[in-house]
Amino acid sequence: MNSVREYGRAVTTPFGAPAGAMETFIEVPFELGGKKVFPDGLIRVKWGKKVWVALVEVKTGTNELQREQLENYLDVAREHHFDALITISNEIAPAPGVHPTVVDGRKLRSVAMYHLSWSEVLTLAVMQREFRGVADPDQAWILGELIRYLEHPKSGALEFSDMGASWVPVRDAVTSGTLRKADKDAAEVAGRFDALLRFASLKLGQRLGAEVTQVLSRAETTDPVLRTTALTNMLVTDGVLRGQVRIPNTVSPLTVTADLRAGQVTCSFDLTAPTDGRATTRVNWMLRQLKDSPDSSASRRSSPVSEPELRNCSASHGRTLRR
């Protein structure tokens, strides 16, 4: 972050840091309650008279962030009037702005706490080097080495690999019809599903060079419990988990539906047909949009729809084609 200016700013600006000179330190010792604590890192950014400081705590592999440790660092940050605590681990937050580790809310009154998954750290690096650019060639090389390191299987930066220990019991309960809304496993699987969507968004964004984000309502963003409750109800009632991903310059959000009863995952876009002209005109217009789609697409058709075919189609009255 200190060596590649553009990357350092990409990481810290969303957390409130100014676009100034950055200094970074590792394992800075602090006194807290008669003992010494050692946060993994400290970031200091100066811009004129403004100084922004954040402590950093890092976990790799399957190691998870610890509440007591984070609360100690929040106390250190408060005593020294630092601005933030940034955590990095392989844990993926269930929703934007939600930290994967629950801490005493009183400790967040004067210090903000932010989280980055290693997937996000890698995505920011790829986006900066491949799409946004790094002015200095040497700095670009350094960032490339970071990317190469994080992509190595032994780096400790793991990808989202499973749905957690509750997945099999919940899947079996859905199949047998015994899942209940009060089951804790159902809420855990719902949270993991949203984490999966966020991870998929990051990976897709890396490939496209665009910001791909999960679609959530304003209420769900403000109160993640609403989203978890809605997914749990959906899982209990219909046996499915459903979410949306917003991809820039696409006709609609991508809807991802996991049907646990059928053992099937469906991805679809909704495309609205023109409202004028005959029904066959509208349907054929939509089919023309798919002329370059892969042969495996379920909705692919090379020839126009005739009027008799349309009359025989049970869905002929609809104006939406799902692909």
C-alpha atoms as a PDB file:
ATOM      1  CA  MET A   1       0.000   0.000   0.000  1.00  0.00           C
ATOM      2  CA  ASN A   2       2.829   2.369   0.810  1.00  0.00           C
ATOM      3  CA  SER A   3       4.837   1.378  -2.267  1.00  0.00           C
ATOM      4  CA  VAL A   4       1.993   1.649  -4.791  1.00  0.00           C
ATOM      5  CA  ARG A   5       0.313   5.007  -4.307  1.00  0.00           C
ATOM      6  CA  GLU A   6      -2.798   4.333  -6.370  1.00  0.00           C
ATOM      7  CA  TYR A   7      -3.419   1.025  -4.610  1.00  0.00           C
ATOM      8  CA  GLY A   8      -2.980   2.524  -1.155  1.00  0.00           C
ATOM      9  CA  ARG A   9      -5.578   5.147  -1.960  1.00  0.00           C
ATOM     10  CA  ALA A  10      -7.977   2.583  -3.434  1.00  0.00           C
ATOM     11  CA  VAL A  11      -7.882   0.656  -0.159  1.00  0.00           C
ATOM     12  CA  THR A  12      -8.084   3.538   2.327  1.00  0.00           C
ATOM     13  CA  THR A  13     -10.222   6.203   0.625  1.00  0.00           C
ATOM     14  CA  PRO A  14     -13.511   4.292   1.167  1.00  0.00           C
ATOM     15  CA  PHE A  15     -12.686   4.287   4.884  1.00  0.00           C
ATOM     16  CA  GLY A  16     -12.375   8.070   5.079  1.00  0.00           C
ATOM     17  CA  ALA A  17      -8.634   8.554   4.543  1.00  0.00           C
ATOM     18  CA  PRO A  18      -7.541  11.703   2.675  1.00  0.00           C
ATOM     19  CA  ALA A  19      -5.543  11.484  -0.558  1.00  0.00           C
ATOM     20  CA  GLY A  20      -2.249  12.380   1.096  1.00  0.00           C
ATOM     21  CA  ALA A  21       1.173  10.931   1.878  1.00  0.00           C
ATOM     22  CA  MET A  22       0.899   7.454   3.360  1.00  0.00           C
ATOM     23  CA  GLU A  23       3.099   5.759   5.940  1.00  0.00           C
ATOM     24  CA  THR A  24       2.737   2.129   7.015  1.00  0.00           C
ATOM     25  CA  PHE A  25       4.142   0.271  10.020  1.00  0.00           C
ATOM     26  CA  ILE A  26       3.988  -3.329  11.279  1.00  0.00           C
ATOM     27  CA  GLU A  27       3.498  -4.665  14.829  1.00  0.00           C
ATOM     28  CA  VAL A  28       3.537  -1.317  16.603  1.00  0.00           C
ATOM     29  CA  PRO A  29       3.533  -1.936  20.407  1.00  0.00           C
ATOM     30  CA  PHE A  30       0.953  -0.177  22.594  1.00  0.00           C
ATOM     31  CA  GLU A  31       0.321  -0.181  26.345  1.00  0.00           C
ATOM     32  CA  LEU A  32      -3.188  -1.223  27.369  1.00  0.00           C
ATOM     33  CA  GLY A  33      -4.171  -1.903  30.961  1.00  0.00           C
ATOM     34  CA  GLY A  34      -0.616  -2.654  32.077  1.00  0.00           C
ATOM     35  CA  LYS A  35       0.138  -5.030  29.214  1.00  0.00           C
ATOM     36  CA  LYS A  36       1.478  -4.667  25.719  1.00  0.00           C
ATOM     37  CA  VAL A  37      -0.608  -5.355  22.620  1.00  0.00           C
ATOM     38  CA  PHE A  38       0.692  -5.572  19.067  1.00  0.00           C
ATOM     39  CA  PRO A  39      -1.712  -4.795  16.204  1.00  0.00           C
ATOM     40  CA  ASP A  40      -0.434  -6.286  12.950  1.00  0.00           C
ATOM     41  CA  GLY A  41      -0.174  -2.889  11.301  1.00  0.00           C
ATOM     42  CA  LEU A  42      -0.741   0.858  11.432  1.00  0.00           C
ATOM     43  CA  ILE A  43      -1.545   3.166   8.510  1.00  0.00           C
ATOM     44  CA  ARG A  44      -1.040   6.931   8.740  1.00  0.00           C
ATOM     45  CA  VAL A  45      -2.116   9.333   6.008  1.00  0.00           C
ATOM     46  CA  LYS A  46      -1.295  13.058   6.127  1.00  0.00           C
ATOM     47  CA  TRP A  47      -2.935  15.776   4.052  1.00  0.00           C
ATOM     48  CA  GLY A  48      -2.101  19.294   5.182  1.00  0.00           C
ATOM     49  CA  LYS A  49      -3.055  19.509   8.849  1.00  0.00           C
ATOM     50  CA  LYS A  50      -5.305  16.464   8.653  1.00  0.00           C
ATOM     51  CA  VAL A  51      -3.889  13.172   9.914  1.00  0.00           C
ATOM     52  CA  TRP A  52      -5.856   9.915   9.511  1.00  0.00           C
ATOM     53  CA  VAL A  53      -4.670   6.839  11.387  1.00  0.00           C
ATOM     54  CA  ALA A  54      -5.959   3.261  11.321  1.00  0.00           C
ATOM     55  CA  LEU A  55      -4.835   0.112  13.104  1.00  0.00           C
ATOM     56  CA  VAL A  56      -4.817  -3.119  11.088  1.00  0.00           C
ATOM     57  CA  GLU A  57      -5.464  -6.696  12.233  1.00  0.00           C
ATOM     58  CA  VAL A  58      -4.871  -9.575   9.801  1.00  0.00           C
ATOM     59  CA  LYS A  59      -5.779 -13.272   9.775  1.00  0.00           C
ATOM     60  CA  THR A  60      -4.910 -15.792   7.068  1.00  0.00           C
ATOM     61  CA  GLY A  61      -6.063 -19.278   6.184  1.00  0.00           C
ATOM     62  CA  THR A  62      -8.971 -20.516   8.275  1.00  0.00           C
ATOM     63  CA  ASN A  63      -8.084 -18.329  11.280  1.00  0.00           C
ATOM     64  CA  GLU A  64     -10.973 -16.117  12.350  1.00  0.00           C
ATOM     65  CA  LEU A  65     -10.956 -12.680  13.946  1.00  0.00           C
ATOM     66  CA  GLN A  66     -11.280 -12.710  17.746  1.00  0.00           C
ATOM     67  CA  ARG A  67     -13.683 -10.402  19.546  1.00  0.00           C
ATOM     68  CA  GLU A  68     -11.453  -9.794  22.586  1.00  0.00           C
ATOM     69  CA  GLN A  69      -8.478  -8.919  20.433  1.00  0.00           C
ATOM     70  CA  LEU A  70     -10.471  -6.495  18.289  1.00  0.00           C
ATOM     71  CA  GLU A  71     -11.983  -4.816  21.341  1.00  0.00           C
ATOM     72  CA  ASN A  72      -8.482  -4.303  22.775  1.00  0.00           C
ATOM     73  CA  TYR A  73      -7.388  -2.601  19.565  1.00  0.00           C
ATOM     74  CA  LEU A  74     -10.513  -0.450  19.562  1.00  0.00           C
ATOM     75  CA  ASP A  75      -9.580   0.681  23.083  1.00  0.00           C
ATOM     76  CA  VAL A  76      -6.060   1.514  21.897  1.00  0.00           C
ATOM     77  CA  ALA A  77      -7.444   3.478  18.960  1.00  0.00           C
ATOM     78  CA  ARG A  78      -9.808   5.416  21.250  1.00  0.00           C
ATOM     79  CA  GLU A  79      -7.051   6.293  23.730  1.00  0.00           C
ATOM     80  CA  HIS A  80      -4.793   7.576  20.945  1.00  0.00           C
ATOM     81  CA  HIS A  81      -7.600   9.293  19.016  1.00  0.00           C
ATOM     82  CA  PHE A  82      -7.108   7.096  15.953  1.00  0.00           C
ATOM     83  CA  ASP A  83      -9.805   7.006  13.320  1.00  0.00           C
ATOM     84  CA  ALA A  84     -10.350   3.356  12.496  1.00  0.00           C
ATOM     85  CA  LEU A  85      -9.574  -0.316  12.912  1.00  0.00           C
ATOM     86  CA  ILE A  86      -9.302  -2.283   9.649  1.00  0.00           C
ATOM     87  CA  THR A  87      -9.482  -6.071   9.721  1.00  0.00           C
ATOM     88  CA  ILE A  88      -8.470  -8.459   6.942  1.00  0.00           C
ATOM     89  CA  SER A  89      -9.318 -12.158   6.882  1.00  0.00           C
ATOM     90  CA  ASN A  90     -10.916 -14.814   4.694  1.00  0.00           C
ATOM     91  CA  GLU A  91     -14.267 -14.175   6.371  1.00  0.00           C
ATOM     92  CA  ILE A  92     -16.756 -12.522   4.018  1.00  0.00           C
ATOM     93  CA  ALA A  93     -19.185 -10.063   5.554  1.00  0.00           C
ATOM     94  CA  PRO A  94     -22.846 -11.097   5.076  1.00  0.00           C
ATOM     95  CA  ALA A  95     -23.747  -7.594   3.856  1.00  0.00           C
ATOM     96  CA  PRO A  96     -21.971  -4.347   2.904  1.00  0.00           C
ATOM     97  CA  GLY A  97     -20.922  -2.397   5.974  1.00  0.00           C
ATOM     98  CA  VAL A  98     -21.501  -5.347   8.310  1.00  0.00           C
ATOM     99  CA  HIS A  99     -18.498  -6.678  10.215  1.00  0.00           C
ATOM    100  CA  PRO A 100     -18.210 -10.478  10.495  1.00  0.00           C
ATOM    101  CA  THR A 101     -17.200 -10.194  14.161  1.00  0.00           C
ATOM    102  CA  VAL A 102     -19.673  -8.762  16.664  1.00  0.00           C
ATOM    103  CA  VAL A 103     -18.093  -6.432  19.238  1.00  0.00           C
ATOM    104  CA  ASP A 104     -19.397  -4.217  22.028  1.00  0.00           C
ATOM    105  CA  GLY A 105     -21.166  -1.381  20.224  1.00  0.00           C
ATOM    106  CA  ARG A 106     -20.015   1.148  22.818  1.00  0.00           C
ATOM    107  CA  LYS A 107     -16.455   0.715  21.593  1.00  0.00           C
ATOM    108  CA  LEU A 108     -17.479   1.931  18.134  1.00  0.00           C
ATOM    109  CA  ARG A 109     -18.719   5.333  19.301  1.00  0.00           C
ATOM    110  CA  SER A 110     -15.448   7.107  18.536  1.00  0.00           C
ATOM    111  CA  VAL A 111     -13.617   4.569  16.347  1.00  0.00           C
ATOM    112  CA  ALA A 112     -14.914   3.052  13.106  1.00  0.00           C
ATOM    113  CA  MET A 113     -14.283  -0.622  12.330  1.00  0.00           C
ATOM    114  CA  TYR A 114     -14.045  -1.870   8.745  1.00  0.00           C
ATOM    115  CA  HIS A 115     -13.461  -5.272   7.202  1.00  0.00           C
ATOM    116  CA  LEU A 116     -11.828  -6.497   4.008  1.00  0.00           C
ATOM    117  CA  SER A 117     -11.807 -10.107   2.890  1.00  0.00           C
ATOM    118  CA  TRP A 118      -8.671 -11.314   1.146  1.00  0.00           C
ATOM    119  CA  SER A 119     -10.839 -11.659  -1.961  1.00  0.00           C
ATOM    120  CA  GLU A 120     -11.548  -7.930  -1.783  1.00  0.00           C
ATOM    121  CA  VAL A 121      -7.859  -7.132  -1.261  1.00  0.00           C
ATOM    122  CA  LEU A 122      -7.017  -9.146  -4.378  1.00  0.00           C
ATOM    123  CA  THR A 123      -9.882  -7.651  -6.374  1.00  0.00           C
ATOM    124  CA  LEU A 124      -8.761  -4.102  -5.564  1.00  0.00           C
ATOM    125  CA  ALA A 125      -5.234  -4.980  -6.689  1.00  0.00           C
ATOM    126  CA  VAL A 126      -6.381  -6.541  -9.975  1.00  0.00           C
ATOM    127  CA  MET A 127      -8.769  -3.675 -10.727  1.00  0.00           C
ATOM    128  CA  GLN A 128      -6.060  -1.082 -10.069  1.00  0.00           C
ATOM    129  CA  ARG A 129      -3.334  -2.758 -12.108  1.00  0.00           C
ATOM    130  CA  GLU A 130      -5.340  -4.110 -15.034  1.00  0.00           C
ATOM    131  CA  PHE A 131      -8.093  -1.532 -15.494  1.00  0.00           C
ATOM    132  CA  ARG A 132      -7.453   1.723 -13.620  1.00  0.00           C
ATOM    133  CA  GLY A 133      -3.698   1.778 -14.114  1.00  0.00           C
ATOM    134  CA  VAL A 134      -0.536   2.501 -12.137  1.00  0.00           C
ATOM    135  CA  ALA A 135       1.535   5.442 -13.362  1.00  0.00           C
ATOM    136  CA  ASP A 136       4.966   4.232 -12.243  1.00  0.00           C
ATOM    137  CA  PRO A 137       6.210   1.044 -14.010  1.00  0.00           C
ATOM    138  CA  ASP A 138       8.116  -0.134 -10.928  1.00  0.00           C
ATOM    139  CA  GLN A 139       5.038   0.302  -8.753  1.00  0.00           C
ATOM    140  CA  ALA A 140       2.971  -1.582 -11.314  1.00  0.00           C
ATOM    141  CA  TRP A 141       5.463  -4.464 -11.094  1.00  0.00           C
ATOM    142  CA  ILE A 142       5.238  -4.481  -7.284  1.00  0.00           C
ATOM    143  CA  LEU A 143       1.449  -4.641  -7.459  1.00  0.00           C
ATOM    144  CA  GLY A 144       1.707  -7.473  -9.972  1.00  0.00           C
ATOM    145  CA  GLU A 145       3.891  -9.399  -7.514  1.00  0.00           C
ATOM    146  CA  LEU A 146       1.274  -8.897  -4.784  1.00  0.00           C
ATOM    147  CA  ILE A 147      -1.389 -10.288  -7.102  1.00  0.00           C
ATOM    148  CA  ARG A 148       0.803 -13.258  -8.018  1.00  0.00           C
ATOM    149  CA  TYR A 149       1.431 -13.959  -4.338  1.00  0.00           C
ATOM    150  CA  LEU A 150      -2.229 -13.698  -3.264  1.00  0.00           C
ATOM    151  CA  GLU A 151      -3.307 -16.012  -6.078  1.00  0.00           C
ATOM    152  CA  HIS A 152      -0.918 -18.744  -4.900  1.00  0.00           C
ATOM    153  CA  PRO A 153      -2.728 -21.527  -2.995  1.00  0.00           C
ATOM    154  CA  LYS A 154      -0.217 -21.336  -0.115  1.00  0.00           C
ATOM    155  CA  SER A 155      -0.548 -17.579   0.447  1.00  0.00           C
ATOM    156  CA  GLY A 156      -3.285 -18.011   3.055  1.00  0.00           C
ATOM    157  CA  ALA A 157      -5.717 -15.936   1.008  1.00  0.00           C
ATOM    158  CA  LEU A 158      -8.462 -18.510   0.526  1.00  0.00           C
ATOM    159  CA  GLU A 159     -11.457 -18.381  -1.772  1.00  0.00           C
ATOM    160  CA  PHE A 160     -15.051 -19.087  -0.761  1.00  0.00           C
ATOM    161  CA  SER A 161     -15.077 -22.888  -0.787  1.00  0.00           C
ATOM    162  CA  ASP A 162     -18.197 -24.172   0.990  1.00  0.00           C
ATOM    163  CA  MET A 163     -21.526 -23.243   2.544  1.00  0.00           C
ATOM    164  CA  GLY A 164     -20.521 -24.059   6.100  1.00  0.00           C
ATOM    165  CA  ALA A 165     -21.262 -26.866   8.556  1.00  0.00           C
ATOM    166  CA  SER A 166     -25.010 -26.135   8.548  1.00  0.00           C
ATOM    167  CA  TRP A 167     -25.430 -26.666   4.802  1.00  0.00           C
ATOM    168  CA  VAL A 168     -26.031 -30.442   4.762  1.00  0.00           C
ATOM    169  CA  PRO A 169     -28.488 -30.480   7.733  1.00  0.00           C
ATOM    170  CA  VAL A 170     -30.467 -27.584   6.213  1.00  0.00           C
ATOM    171  CA  ARG A 171     -30.519 -29.166   2.752  1.00  0.00           C
ATOM    172  CA  ASP A 172     -31.770 -32.440   4.229  1.00  0.00           C
ATOM    173  CA  ALA A 173     -34.393 -30.621   6.309  1.00  0.00           C
ATOM    174  CA  VAL A 174     -35.657 -28.772   3.232  1.00  0.00           C
ATOM    175  CA  THR A 175     -35.962 -32.050   1.335  1.00  0.00           C
ATOM    176  CA  SER A 176     -37.886 -33.707   4.178  1.00  0.00           C
ATOM    177  CA  GLY A 177     -40.018 -30.632   4.869  1.00  0.00           C
ATOM    178  CA  THR A 178     -38.898 -30.343   8.504  1.00  0.00           C
ATOM    179  CA  LEU A 179     -37.044 -27.015   8.349  1.00  0.00           C
ATOM    180  CA  ARG A 180     -38.469 -24.321  10.650  1.00  0.00           C
ATOM    181  CA  LYS A 181     -37.972 -20.564  10.705  1.00  0.00           C
ATOM    182  CA  ALA A 182     -36.579 -20.727  14.226  1.00  0.00           C
ATOM    183  CA  ASP A 183     -33.775 -23.134  13.224  1.00  0.00           C
ATOM    184  CA  LYS A 184     -30.411 -21.413  13.750  1.00  0.00           C
ATOM    185  CA  ASP A 185     -28.887 -23.443  10.928  1.00  0.00           C
ATOM    186  CA  ALA A 186     -31.325 -21.864   8.454  1.00  0.00           C
ATOM    187  CA  ALA A 187     -30.195 -18.343   9.362  1.00  0.00           C
ATOM    188  CA  GLU A 188     -26.542 -19.398   9.078  1.00  0.00           C
ATOM    189  CA  VAL A 189     -27.069 -20.831   5.597  1.00  0.00           C
ATOM    190  CA  ALA A 190     -28.944 -17.675   4.569  1.00  0.00           C
ATOM    191  CA  GLY A 191     -25.961 -15.576   5.638  1.00  0.00           C
ATOM    192  CA  ARG A 192     -23.547 -17.859   3.790  1.00  0.00           C
ATOM    193  CA  PHE A 193     -25.630 -17.532   0.627  1.00  0.00           C
ATOM    194  CA  ASP A 194     -25.296 -13.759   0.698  1.00  0.00           C
ATOM    195  CA  ALA A 195     -21.569 -14.140   1.358  1.00  0.00           C
ATOM    196  CA  LEU A 196     -21.391 -16.389  -1.711  1.00  0.00           C
ATOM    197  CA  LEU A 197     -23.112 -13.740  -3.824  1.00  0.00           C
ATOM    198  CA  ARG A 198     -20.654 -11.105  -2.603  1.00  0.00           C
ATOM    199  CA  PHE A 199     -17.707 -13.390  -3.401  1.00  0.00           C
ATOM    200  CA  ALA A 200     -19.107 -14.171  -6.867  1.00  0.00           C
ATOM    201  CA  SER A 201     -19.554 -10.433  -7.462  1.00  0.00           C
ATOM    202  CA  LEU A 202     -15.898  -9.814  -6.609  1.00  0.00           C
ATOM    203  CA  LYS A 203     -14.663 -12.577  -8.922  1.00  0.00           C
ATOM    204  CA  LEU A 204     -16.876 -11.413 -11.774  1.00  0.00           C
ATOM    205  CA  GLY A 205     -15.750  -7.833 -11.231  1.00  0.00           C
ATOM    206  CA  GLN A 206     -12.119  -8.947 -11.549  1.00  0.00           C
ATOM    207  CA  ARG A 207     -12.827 -10.464 -14.966  1.00  0.00           C
ATOM    208  CA  LEU A 208     -14.923  -7.603 -16.278  1.00  0.00           C
ATOM    209  CA  GLY A 209     -12.962  -4.728 -14.800  1.00  0.00           C
ATOM    210  CA  ALA A 210     -16.191  -3.330 -13.413  1.00  0.00           C
ATOM    211  CA  GLU A 211     -17.797  -2.900 -10.016  1.00  0.00           C
ATOM    212  CA  VAL A 212     -20.222  -5.802  -9.652  1.00  0.00           C
ATOM    213  CA  THR A 213     -22.369  -5.547  -6.535  1.00  0.00           C
ATOM    214  CA  GLN A 214     -25.076  -7.475  -4.747  1.00  0.00           C
ATOM    215  CA  VAL A 215     -28.539  -5.924  -5.044  1.00  0.00           C
ATOM    216  CA  LEU A 216     -30.101  -5.092  -1.676  1.00  0.00           C
ATOM    217  CA  SER A 217     -32.920  -2.758  -0.739  1.00  0.00           C
ATOM    218  CA  ARG A 218     -32.132   0.322   1.325  1.00  0.00           C
ATOM    219  CA  ALA A 219     -33.855  -1.259   4.320  1.00  0.00           C
ATOM    220  CA  GLU A 220     -31.810  -4.456   3.970  1.00  0.00           C
ATOM    221  CA  THR A 221     -28.580  -2.462   3.723  1.00  0.00           C
ATOM    222  CA  THR A 222     -29.447  -0.539   6.871  1.00  0.00           C
ATOM    223  CA  ASP A 223     -30.674  -3.593   8.780  1.00  0.00           C
ATOM    224  CA  PRO A 224     -29.084  -6.861   7.550  1.00  0.00           C
ATOM    225  CA  VAL A 225     -31.392  -8.855   9.840  1.00  0.00           C
ATOM    226  CA  LEU A 226     -34.245  -8.078   7.433  1.00  0.00           C
ATOM    227  CA  ARG A 227     -32.367  -9.733   4.584  1.00  0.00           C
ATOM    228  CA  THR A 228     -31.509 -12.808   6.672  1.00  0.00           C
ATOM    229  CA  THR A 229     -35.123 -13.116   7.799  1.00  0.00           C
ATOM    230  CA  ALA A 230     -36.422 -12.840   4.223  1.00  0.00           C
ATOM    231  CA  LEU A 231     -33.992 -15.511   2.984  1.00  0.00           C
ATOM    232  CA  THR A 232     -34.859 -17.811   5.891  1.00  0.00           C
ATOM    233  CA  ASN A 233     -38.588 -17.456   5.174  1.00  0.00           C
ATOM    234  CA  MET A 234     -37.932 -18.169   1.498  1.00  0.00           C
ATOM    235  CA  LEU A 235     -35.895 -21.237   2.390  1.00  0.00           C
ATOM    236  CA  VAL A 236     -38.548 -22.631   4.753  1.00  0.00           C
ATOM    237  CA  THR A 237     -41.538 -21.840   2.535  1.00  0.00           C
ATOM    238  CA  ASP A 238     -40.230 -22.559  -0.970  1.00  0.00           C
ATOM    239  CA  GLY A 239     -36.972 -24.432  -0.426  1.00  0.00           C
ATOM    240  CA  VAL A 240     -35.007 -21.836  -2.412  1.00  0.00           C
ATOM    241  CA  LEU A 241     -32.442 -19.100  -1.846  1.00  0.00           C
ATOM    242  CA  ARG A 242     -32.571 -16.150  -4.216  1.00  0.00           C
ATOM    243  CA  GLY A 243     -30.506 -13.022  -4.691  1.00  0.00           C
ATOM    244  CA  GLN A 244     -29.478 -10.523  -7.366  1.00  0.00           C
ATOM    245  CA  VAL A 245     -26.199  -9.152  -8.658  1.00  0.00           C
ATOM    246  CA  ARG A 246     -25.914  -5.826 -10.477  1.00  0.00           C
ATOM    247  CA  ILE A 247     -23.488  -5.831 -13.428  1.00  0.00           C
ATOM    248  CA  PRO A 248     -22.783  -2.506 -15.185  1.00  0.00           C
ATOM    249  CA  ASN A 249     -24.260  -2.109 -18.691  1.00  0.00           C
ATOM    250  CA  THR A 250     -26.503  -5.167 -18.539  1.00  0.00           C
ATOM    251  CA  VAL A 251     -30.213  -5.163 -19.308  1.00  0.00           C
ATOM    252  CA  SER A 252     -31.180  -6.081 -15.734  1.00  0.00           C
ATOM    253  CA  PRO A 253     -29.713  -7.469 -12.522  1.00  0.00           C
ATOM    254  CA  LEU A 254     -28.626 -11.105 -12.659  1.00  0.00           C
ATOM    255  CA  THR A 255     -30.958 -13.230 -10.532  1.00  0.00           C
ATOM    256  CA  VAL A 256     -29.371 -16.278  -8.890  1.00  0.00           C
ATOM    257  CA  THR A 257     -31.761 -18.919  -7.533  1.00  0.00           C
ATOM    258  CA  ALA A 258     -30.597 -21.990  -5.624  1.00  0.00           C
ATOM    259  CA  ASP A 259     -33.360 -24.600  -5.462  1.00  0.00           C
ATOM    260  CA  LEU A 260     -32.410 -26.981  -2.642  1.00  0.00           C
ATOM    261  CA  ARG A 261     -35.246 -29.398  -3.378  1.00  0.00           C
ATOM    262  CA  ALA A 262     -34.347 -29.754  -7.034  1.00  0.00           C
ATOM    263  CA  GLY A 263     -30.596 -29.496  -6.456  1.00  0.00           C
ATOM    264  CA  GLN A 264     -30.382 -26.836  -9.165  1.00  0.00           C
ATOM    265  CA  VAL A 265     -28.947 -23.339  -9.513  1.00  0.00           C
ATOM    266  CA  THR A 266     -30.544 -20.999 -12.067  1.00  0.00           C
ATOM    267  CA  CYS A 267     -29.107 -17.694 -13.280  1.00  0.00           C
ATOM    268  CA  SER A 268     -31.342 -15.396 -15.293  1.00  0.00           C
ATOM    269  CA  PHE A 269     -31.875 -11.898 -16.647  1.00  0.00           C
ATOM    270  CA  ASP A 270     -35.298 -10.340 -17.103  1.00  0.00           C
ATOM    271  CA  LEU A 271     -35.816  -8.611 -20.442  1.00  0.00           C
ATOM    272  CA  THR A 272     -38.950  -6.566 -21.121  1.00  0.00           C
ATOM    273  CA  ALA A 273     -40.324  -6.722 -24.674  1.00  0.00           C
ATOM    274  CA  PRO A 274     -41.671  -3.729 -26.625  1.00  0.00           C
ATOM    275  CA  THR A 275     -45.266  -2.855 -25.744  1.00  0.00           C
ATOM    276  CA  ASP A 276     -46.378  -1.959 -29.270  1.00  0.00           C
ATOM    277  CA  GLY A 277     -47.176  -4.244 -32.215  1.00  0.00           C
ATOM    278  CA  ARG A 278     -48.641  -7.738 -32.336  1.00  0.00           C
ATOM    279  CA  ALA A 279     -47.705 -10.429 -29.835  1.00  0.00           C
ATOM    280  CA  THR A 280     -45.653 -12.312 -32.454  1.00  0.00           C
ATOM    281  CA  THR A 281     -43.739  -9.109 -33.257  1.00  0.00           C
ATOM    282  CA  ARG A 282     -42.831  -8.632 -29.627  1.00  0.00           C
ATOM    283  CA  VAL A 283     -41.734 -12.231 -29.100  1.00  0.00           C
ATOM    284  CA  ASN A 284     -39.675 -12.316 -32.314  1.00  0.00           C
ATOM    285  CA  TRP A 285     -37.968  -9.067 -31.301  1.00  0.00           C
ATOM    286  CA  MET A 286     -36.891 -10.731 -28.086  1.00  0.00           C
ATOM    287  CA  LEU A 287     -35.674 -13.853 -29.857  1.00  0.00           C
ATOM    288  CA  ARG A 288     -33.497 -11.715 -32.128  1.00  0.00           C
ATOM    289  CA  GLN A 289     -31.685 -10.447 -29.021  1.00  0.00           C
ATOM    290  CA  LEU A 290     -30.522 -14.027 -28.441  1.00  0.00           C
ATOM    291  CA  LYS A 291     -29.176 -14.740 -31.911  1.00  0.00           C
ATOM    292  CA  ASP A 292     -25.559 -14.677 -30.697  1.00  0.00           C
ATOM    293  CA  SER A 293     -26.192 -16.594 -27.470  1.00  0.00           C
ATOM    294  CA  PRO A 294     -24.533 -20.000 -26.865  1.00  0.00           C
ATOM    295  CA  ASP A 295     -26.254 -23.079 -28.289  1.00  0.00           C
ATOM    296  CA  SER A 296     -26.719 -24.344 -24.741  1.00  0.00           C
ATOM    297  CA  SER A 297     -29.086 -21.477 -23.875  1.00  0.00           C
ATOM    298  CA  ALA A 298     -32.516 -22.911 -23.084  1.00  0.00           C
ATOM    299  CA  SER A 299     -34.263 -20.012 -24.795  1.00  0.00           C
ATOM    300  CA  ARG A 300     -32.183 -20.024 -28.001  1.00  0.00           C
ATOM    301  CA  ARG A 301     -34.189 -20.276 -31.221  1.00  0.00           C
ATOM    302  CA  SER A 302     -33.034 -19.572 -34.766  1.00  0.00           C
ATOM    303  CA  SER A 303     -36.396 -19.176 -36.530  1.00  0.00           C
ATOM    304  CA  PRO A 304     -39.187 -16.652 -35.852  1.00  0.00           C
ATOM    305  CA  VAL A 305     -42.304 -17.615 -33.926  1.00  0.00           C
ATOM    306  CA  SER A 306     -45.464 -18.065 -36.023  1.00  0.00           C
ATOM    307  CA  GLU A 307     -48.944 -16.972 -35.018  1.00  0.00           C
ATOM    308  CA  PRO A 308     -50.228 -20.577 -34.549  1.00  0.00           C
ATOM    309  CA  GLU A 309     -47.233 -21.418 -32.386  1.00  0.00           C
ATOM    310  CA  LEU A 310     -47.877 -18.394 -30.271  1.00  0.00           C
ATOM    311  CA  ARG A 311     -51.519 -19.323 -29.777  1.00  0.00           C
ATOM    312  CA  ASN A 312     -50.467 -22.792 -28.641  1.00  0.00           C
ATOM    313  CA  CYS A 313     -47.912 -21.461 -26.198  1.00  0.00           C
ATOM    314  CA  SER A 314     -49.252 -21.265 -22.673  1.00  0.00           C
ATOM    315  CA  ALA A 315     -46.980 -18.331 -21.971  1.00  0.00           C
ATOM    316  CA  SER A 316     -47.885 -16.358 -25.098  1.00  0.00           C
ATOM    317  CA  HIS A 317     -49.563 -13.608 -23.098  1.00  0.00           C
ATOM    318  CA  GLY A 318     -46.367 -12.760 -21.192  1.00  0.00           C
ATOM    319  CA  ARG A 319     -44.056  -9.905 -22.032  1.00  0.00           C
ATOM    320  CA  THR A 320     -40.981 -11.159 -20.233  1.00  0.00           C
ATOM    321  CA  LEU A 321     -38.492 -13.681 -21.562  1.00  0.00           C
ATOM    322  CA  ARG A 322     -36.210 -15.333 -19.023  1.00  0.00           C
ATOM    323  CA  ARG A 323     -32.822 -16.552 -20.139  1.00  0.00           C
END
